[in-house]
Amino acid sequence: MQATVTDRLWSQVERGPGCWLWTGRTLVRGYGRIWVNGKQCLAHRVALALSEGLDPATVPPETLALHSCDTPLCCNPSHLRWGTSGDNARDREDRGRHHDVSGEQNPRARLSAQDVLAIRQRLAEGARQVDLASEYGVSRQAIWKIGHNKKWTGR
């Protein structure tokens, strides 16, 4: 006998006094994932839908399940509410979790603003993307994006 979505979901949630943490597989950004009708879904979204008696498949994809606790693994319905991407952005801003760390301010940046200017100049002079990528230790796609103002815009 095959377990229901409800059984599979709650069997992978550790219920605590506050957050109810997902213990199953996760996505790269730390959100729980569960398969529903052959489709990978976010566990907290499924938890909220089921707690409200909804079929998770009927909730429009643009409707987000937002956390009041800021814990991606939390599936506690009392910590979740439906919202839009605008609501999510406002929550992030209100809680001070939005930081613009573009360009050199990003701790993962491999290039400086000076490097980017030099790359753009050399591209304009006809340098090959693959050669610049090798020289600067980045992908050819990164060089293309720099040359087309898809990265480091306004610099």
Foldseek 3Di string as FASTA:
>chain_A
DDDDPVVVLVVQWCDDPPFTFGNDDDDPVQFDWDDDPNDIDTSLLCLLQVVVVHDSVPPDPQWDWDACVPHRRGNPNVRTDIDGVVVVVVSCVVVVNDDDQAAPSDPPDQDHPVLLVVLLVVVVVPDQLCVSCVVSVHDSVVSVCSNVCVGPHPD
